[in-house]
Protein backbone atom coordinates (compact mmCIF):
# COMPACT_ATOMS: atom_id res chain seq x y z
CA UNK A 1 154.83 38.59 113.15
CA UNK A 2 155.00 42.08 111.70
CA UNK A 3 151.64 42.78 110.13
CA UNK A 4 152.52 46.40 108.83
CA UNK A 5 154.99 47.06 106.03
CA UNK A 6 155.85 50.45 107.51
CA UNK A 7 156.89 49.02 110.94
CA UNK A 8 158.77 46.20 109.25
CA UNK A 9 160.77 49.05 107.20
CA UNK A 10 161.25 50.73 110.58
CA UNK A 11 162.81 47.54 112.29
CA UNK A 12 165.06 46.97 109.22
CA UNK A 13 166.04 50.57 109.42
CA UNK A 14 166.94 50.48 113.06
CA UNK A 15 169.16 46.96 112.62
CA UNK A 16 170.77 48.36 109.71
CA UNK A 17 171.73 51.62 111.52
CA UNK A 18 172.81 49.92 114.75
CA UNK A 19 174.88 47.46 112.70
CA UNK A 20 176.69 50.40 110.86
CA UNK A 21 177.57 52.20 114.05
CA UNK A 22 178.83 49.02 115.56
CA UNK A 23 181.47 48.68 112.53
CA UNK A 24 182.30 52.39 112.94
CA UNK A 25 182.96 51.97 116.49
CA UNK A 26 185.09 48.79 116.20
CA UNK A 27 187.13 50.55 113.46
CA UNK A 28 187.44 53.43 115.71
CA UNK A 29 188.73 51.35 118.71
CA UNK A 30 191.23 49.47 116.52
CA UNK A 31 192.64 52.76 115.15
CA UNK A 32 192.99 54.15 118.77
CA UNK A 33 194.57 51.21 120.12
CA UNK A 34 197.05 50.80 117.33
CA UNK A 35 198.15 54.67 117.31
CA UNK A 36 201.07 55.62 119.39
CA UNK A 37 200.02 58.14 122.15
CA UNK A 38 201.76 61.34 122.01
CA UNK A 39 201.64 63.64 125.05
CA UNK A 40 202.24 67.34 125.89
CA UNK A 41 201.68 68.94 129.06
CA UNK A 42 198.96 71.75 129.35
CA UNK A 43 198.04 73.94 132.14
CA UNK A 44 194.26 74.66 133.28
CA UNK A 45 194.50 78.14 131.29
CA UNK A 46 195.66 76.85 128.24
CA UNK A 47 199.41 77.24 128.40
CA UNK A 48 201.59 74.59 126.96
CA UNK A 49 204.83 73.39 128.37
CA UNK A 50 207.77 74.61 126.46
CA UNK A 51 211.42 73.55 126.92
CA UNK A 52 214.37 75.41 125.13
CA UNK A 53 211.70 77.65 123.31
CA UNK A 54 210.10 74.56 121.86
CA UNK A 55 207.00 72.46 122.85
CA UNK A 56 207.84 69.31 124.66
CA UNK A 57 206.39 66.21 123.92
CA UNK A 58 206.54 62.63 125.35
CA UNK A 59 205.86 59.42 123.53
CA UNK A 60 203.99 57.03 125.84
CA UNK A 61 202.67 57.19 129.15
CA UNK A 62 205.73 55.49 130.66
CA UNK A 63 208.05 58.20 129.85
CA UNK A 64 205.77 60.92 130.77
CA UNK A 65 205.21 59.50 134.37
CA UNK A 66 208.98 58.99 134.87
CA UNK A 67 209.25 62.81 134.00
CA UNK A 68 206.37 63.90 136.09
CA UNK A 69 207.77 61.97 139.24
CA UNK A 70 211.05 63.58 139.12
CA UNK A 71 210.22 67.07 137.70
CA UNK A 72 208.15 69.31 140.23
CA UNK A 73 207.60 71.84 137.76
CA UNK A 74 205.46 69.57 135.74
CA UNK A 75 202.75 69.45 138.86
CA UNK A 76 200.71 72.38 137.59
CA UNK A 77 200.34 70.74 134.02
CA UNK A 78 197.99 67.91 133.00
CA UNK A 79 199.00 65.38 130.18
CA UNK A 80 196.95 65.74 127.03
CA UNK A 81 197.03 63.62 124.20
CA UNK A 82 197.84 65.40 120.87
CA UNK A 83 194.95 65.25 118.61
CA UNK A 84 194.11 67.02 115.05
CA UNK A 85 192.99 70.06 116.72
CA UNK A 86 195.72 70.59 119.00
CA UNK A 87 198.34 69.75 116.52
CA UNK A 88 196.89 72.41 114.31
CA UNK A 89 196.98 74.79 117.20
CA UNK A 90 200.71 73.71 117.68
CA UNK A 91 201.49 74.43 114.10
CA UNK A 92 199.92 77.80 114.15
CA UNK A 93 201.47 79.35 117.37
CA UNK A 94 204.79 77.60 117.71
CA UNK A 95 206.06 77.41 114.27
CA UNK A 96 209.02 79.72 113.14
CA UNK A 97 209.79 80.44 109.46
CA UNK A 98 207.45 78.03 108.42
CA UNK A 99 208.79 75.00 110.29
CA UNK A 100 207.66 73.58 113.65
CA UNK A 101 210.21 71.74 115.71
CA UNK A 102 209.45 69.93 118.93
CA UNK A 103 211.41 68.57 121.86
CA UNK A 104 210.93 64.81 122.54
CA UNK A 105 211.57 64.04 126.21
CA UNK A 106 213.44 60.88 126.47
CA UNK A 107 214.32 60.25 130.21
CA UNK A 108 217.38 58.19 130.22
CA UNK A 109 219.00 58.33 133.78
CA UNK A 110 217.56 58.29 137.38
CA UNK A 111 217.38 62.00 137.35
CA UNK A 112 214.83 62.24 134.55
CA UNK A 113 216.17 65.49 133.44
CA UNK A 114 214.04 67.38 130.81
CA UNK A 115 216.87 68.26 128.83
CA UNK A 116 217.30 64.26 128.19
CA UNK A 117 215.67 63.90 124.68
CA UNK A 118 216.08 65.03 120.95
CA UNK A 119 214.86 67.57 118.65
CA UNK A 120 212.43 66.48 115.94
CA UNK A 121 210.53 68.29 113.21
CA UNK A 122 206.71 68.20 112.77
CA UNK A 123 206.81 65.39 109.79
CA UNK A 124 208.65 63.19 112.19
CA UNK A 125 206.18 63.66 114.78
CA UNK A 126 203.24 62.68 112.14
CA UNK A 127 205.27 59.49 111.26
CA UNK A 128 205.50 58.55 115.00
CA UNK A 129 201.92 59.13 115.42
CA UNK A 130 201.08 56.58 112.74
CA UNK A 131 203.37 53.82 114.09
CA UNK A 132 201.92 51.17 116.18
CA UNK A 133 202.63 50.94 119.87
CA UNK A 134 205.37 48.75 120.77
CA UNK A 135 204.55 45.32 121.89
CA UNK A 136 205.14 44.85 125.71
CA UNK A 137 207.89 42.58 126.64
CA UNK A 138 207.52 38.98 127.14
CA UNK A 139 208.88 36.95 129.71
CA UNK A 140 211.32 34.56 127.87
CA UNK A 141 211.71 31.88 130.59
CA UNK A 142 208.76 30.56 132.71
CA UNK A 143 209.00 31.14 136.30
CA UNK A 144 209.63 27.92 138.28
CA UNK A 145 209.64 27.31 141.92
CA UNK A 146 212.77 26.06 143.64
CA UNK A 147 212.73 22.60 145.00
CA UNK A 148 213.91 21.14 148.13
CA UNK A 149 216.99 19.30 146.45
CA UNK A 150 218.40 22.92 145.28
CA UNK A 151 218.63 24.13 148.78
CA UNK A 152 220.68 21.18 150.08
CA UNK A 153 224.07 22.04 150.44
CA UNK A 154 226.89 18.91 149.81
């Protein structure tokens, strides 16, 4: 048993502190998991990859990896998730006449051309960041092994 009230108070304080940080960590992880990840490509010297005089962004890791596999120019760039600090940098340095437009690269063909995509405004990007990630496609039919009778010919 705890004999001193000071020790008891310290134990209760530490317990409440750990519980508070645990709750904050859980909320943070849920938020990170549900937010759509938007990437851009950045060089080691800080240069951001631009296409058609606009910052090129990718929505999701899959489209980014398809583009990187087919376009050798992206080899010198590293993918970076757009966070608040980076978004403020983009707004300050790449906006023209008060509006910032971005090029969303959406590879649709086997060539994965970087010009395949669409032009969006900054407000559209903010709304995309707040949308949850799409659920992965589920298999509609279970896989069944073939039986001997299916391989017999009549």
